[in-house]
């Protein structure tokens, strides 16, 4: 079996880990941004009875 085929599972795991890490980073930054906007009064909390907010 060639080295390329042996490395496919490893490459797949690395790609998956990078995607997950990127998603987590984006979510943390979004939450941090929301927190800062609420602190300065620009982002009001969403209404719970309005499905579009």
N, C-alpha and C. Protein backbone atom coordinates (compact mmCIF):
# COMPACT_ATOMS: atom_id res chain seq x y z
N UNK A 1 0.85 -1.18 0.00
CA UNK A 1 0.00 0.00 0.00
C UNK A 1 0.89 1.25 0.00
N UNK A 2 0.54 2.21 -0.81
CA UNK A 2 1.38 3.39 -0.92
C UNK A 2 1.25 4.29 0.32
N UNK A 3 2.19 5.17 0.45
CA UNK A 3 2.20 6.10 1.58
C UNK A 3 1.00 7.03 1.51
N UNK A 4 0.59 7.38 0.28
CA UNK A 4 -0.56 8.28 0.13
C UNK A 4 -1.82 7.68 0.76
N UNK A 5 -2.08 6.42 0.49
CA UNK A 5 -3.28 5.78 1.03
C UNK A 5 -3.20 5.59 2.54
N UNK A 6 -2.00 5.44 3.06
CA UNK A 6 -1.85 5.33 4.51
C UNK A 6 -2.11 6.67 5.19
N UNK A 7 -1.84 7.76 4.48
CA UNK A 7 -1.97 9.08 5.09
C UNK A 7 -3.38 9.67 4.94
N UNK A 8 -4.26 9.05 4.18
CA UNK A 8 -5.61 9.58 3.97
C UNK A 8 -6.37 9.73 5.29
N UNK A 9 -6.42 8.75 6.17
CA UNK A 9 -7.14 8.95 7.44
C UNK A 9 -6.56 10.08 8.29
N UNK A 10 -5.25 10.20 8.26
CA UNK A 10 -4.60 11.26 9.04
C UNK A 10 -4.98 12.63 8.47
N UNK A 11 -4.96 12.76 7.16
CA UNK A 11 -5.33 14.04 6.54
C UNK A 11 -6.79 14.37 6.84
N UNK A 12 -7.66 13.36 6.80
CA UNK A 12 -9.07 13.57 7.08
C UNK A 12 -9.28 14.08 8.50
N UNK A 13 -8.57 13.48 9.47
CA UNK A 13 -8.69 13.92 10.87
C UNK A 13 -8.19 15.34 11.05
N UNK A 14 -7.09 15.68 10.39
CA UNK A 14 -6.54 17.03 10.50
C UNK A 14 -7.51 18.05 9.92
N UNK A 15 -8.08 17.74 8.74
CA UNK A 15 -9.05 18.65 8.13
C UNK A 15 -10.27 18.84 9.04
N UNK A 16 -10.75 17.76 9.61
CA UNK A 16 -11.92 17.82 10.48
C UNK A 16 -11.62 18.65 11.73
N UNK A 17 -10.44 18.45 12.30
CA UNK A 17 -10.05 19.20 13.50
C UNK A 17 -9.94 20.69 13.18
N UNK A 18 -9.37 21.03 12.02
CA UNK A 18 -9.24 22.43 11.65
C UNK A 18 -10.59 23.09 11.45
N UNK A 19 -11.51 22.37 10.78
CA UNK A 19 -12.85 22.92 10.56
C UNK A 19 -13.57 23.15 11.88
N UNK A 20 -13.47 22.19 12.79
CA UNK A 20 -14.12 22.32 14.10
C UNK A 20 -13.53 23.49 14.88
N UNK A 21 -12.21 23.62 14.84
CA UNK A 21 -11.55 24.71 15.53
C UNK A 21 -11.97 26.05 14.96
N UNK A 22 -12.07 26.12 13.63
CA UNK A 22 -12.48 27.36 12.97
C UNK A 22 -13.90 27.74 13.37
N UNK A 23 -14.81 26.75 13.38
CA UNK A 23 -16.19 27.00 13.79
C UNK A 23 -16.27 27.50 15.23
N UNK A 24 -15.49 26.88 16.11
CA UNK A 24 -15.49 27.29 17.52
C UNK A 24 -14.97 28.70 17.68
N UNK A 25 -13.93 29.05 16.93
CA UNK A 25 -13.36 30.40 17.00
C UNK A 25 -14.37 31.43 16.53
N UNK A 26 -15.07 31.15 15.45
CA UNK A 26 -16.08 32.07 14.94
C UNK A 26 -17.20 32.26 15.97
N UNK A 27 -17.64 31.19 16.60
CA UNK A 27 -18.71 31.28 17.59
C UNK A 27 -18.27 32.10 18.81
N UNK A 28 -17.05 31.89 19.28
CA UNK A 28 -16.54 32.66 20.43
C UNK A 28 -16.46 34.13 20.08
N UNK A 29 -15.96 34.45 18.89
CA UNK A 29 -15.86 35.86 18.49
C UNK A 29 -17.24 36.49 18.32
N UNK A 30 -18.22 35.74 17.83
CA UNK A 30 -19.58 36.26 17.69
C UNK A 30 -20.18 36.58 19.06
N UNK A 31 -19.98 35.68 20.01
CA UNK A 31 -20.50 35.91 21.36
C UNK A 31 -19.81 37.10 22.02
N UNK A 32 -18.51 37.21 21.81
CA UNK A 32 -17.75 38.33 22.37
C UNK A 32 -18.24 39.65 21.77
N UNK A 33 -18.48 39.67 20.47
CA UNK A 33 -18.97 40.86 19.80
C UNK A 33 -20.35 41.24 20.33
N UNK A 34 -21.24 40.26 20.48
CA UNK A 34 -22.56 40.53 21.04
C UNK A 34 -22.45 41.13 22.45
N UNK A 35 -21.55 40.57 23.24
CA UNK A 35 -21.35 41.06 24.61
C UNK A 35 -20.89 42.51 24.60
N UNK A 36 -19.94 42.85 23.73
CA UNK A 36 -19.44 44.22 23.66
C UNK A 36 -20.52 45.18 23.19
N UNK A 37 -21.31 44.77 22.20
CA UNK A 37 -22.38 45.63 21.70
C UNK A 37 -23.44 45.86 22.77
N UNK A 38 -23.75 44.85 23.57
CA UNK A 38 -24.71 45.02 24.66
C UNK A 38 -24.16 45.97 25.72
N UNK A 39 -22.84 45.90 25.97
CA UNK A 39 -22.22 46.78 26.97
C UNK A 39 -22.36 48.25 26.59
N UNK A 40 -22.24 48.55 25.30
CA UNK A 40 -22.34 49.95 24.90
C UNK A 40 -23.76 50.33 24.49
N UNK A 41 -24.69 49.38 24.57
CA UNK A 41 -26.09 49.67 24.35
C UNK A 41 -26.55 49.62 22.90
N UNK A 42 -25.78 49.05 22.01
CA UNK A 42 -26.17 49.00 20.60
C UNK A 42 -26.93 47.74 20.24
N UNK A 43 -26.82 46.71 21.03
CA UNK A 43 -27.46 45.45 20.70
C UNK A 43 -28.42 45.07 21.82
N UNK A 44 -29.69 45.28 21.56
CA UNK A 44 -30.70 44.94 22.56
C UNK A 44 -30.95 43.43 22.55
N UNK A 45 -31.30 42.84 23.68
CA UNK A 45 -31.61 41.42 23.70
C UNK A 45 -32.82 41.11 22.82
N UNK A 46 -32.81 39.95 22.19
CA UNK A 46 -33.90 39.55 21.29
C UNK A 46 -35.15 39.21 22.10
N UNK A 47 -36.28 39.49 21.49
CA UNK A 47 -37.55 39.15 22.12
C UNK A 47 -37.79 37.64 21.97
N UNK A 48 -38.27 37.00 23.02
CA UNK A 48 -38.46 35.55 22.97
C UNK A 48 -39.71 35.16 22.19
N UNK A 49 -40.69 36.07 22.07
CA UNK A 49 -41.92 35.71 21.38
C UNK A 49 -41.88 36.04 19.89
N UNK A 50 -40.81 36.66 19.40
CA UNK A 50 -40.70 36.99 17.98
C UNK A 50 -39.77 36.00 17.32
N UNK A 51 -40.27 35.11 16.43
CA UNK A 51 -39.41 34.08 15.83
C UNK A 51 -38.39 34.64 14.85
N UNK A 52 -38.54 35.87 14.41
CA UNK A 52 -37.61 36.43 13.41
C UNK A 52 -36.41 37.10 14.04
N UNK A 53 -36.39 37.26 15.34
CA UNK A 53 -35.25 37.90 15.99
C UNK A 53 -34.32 36.89 16.60
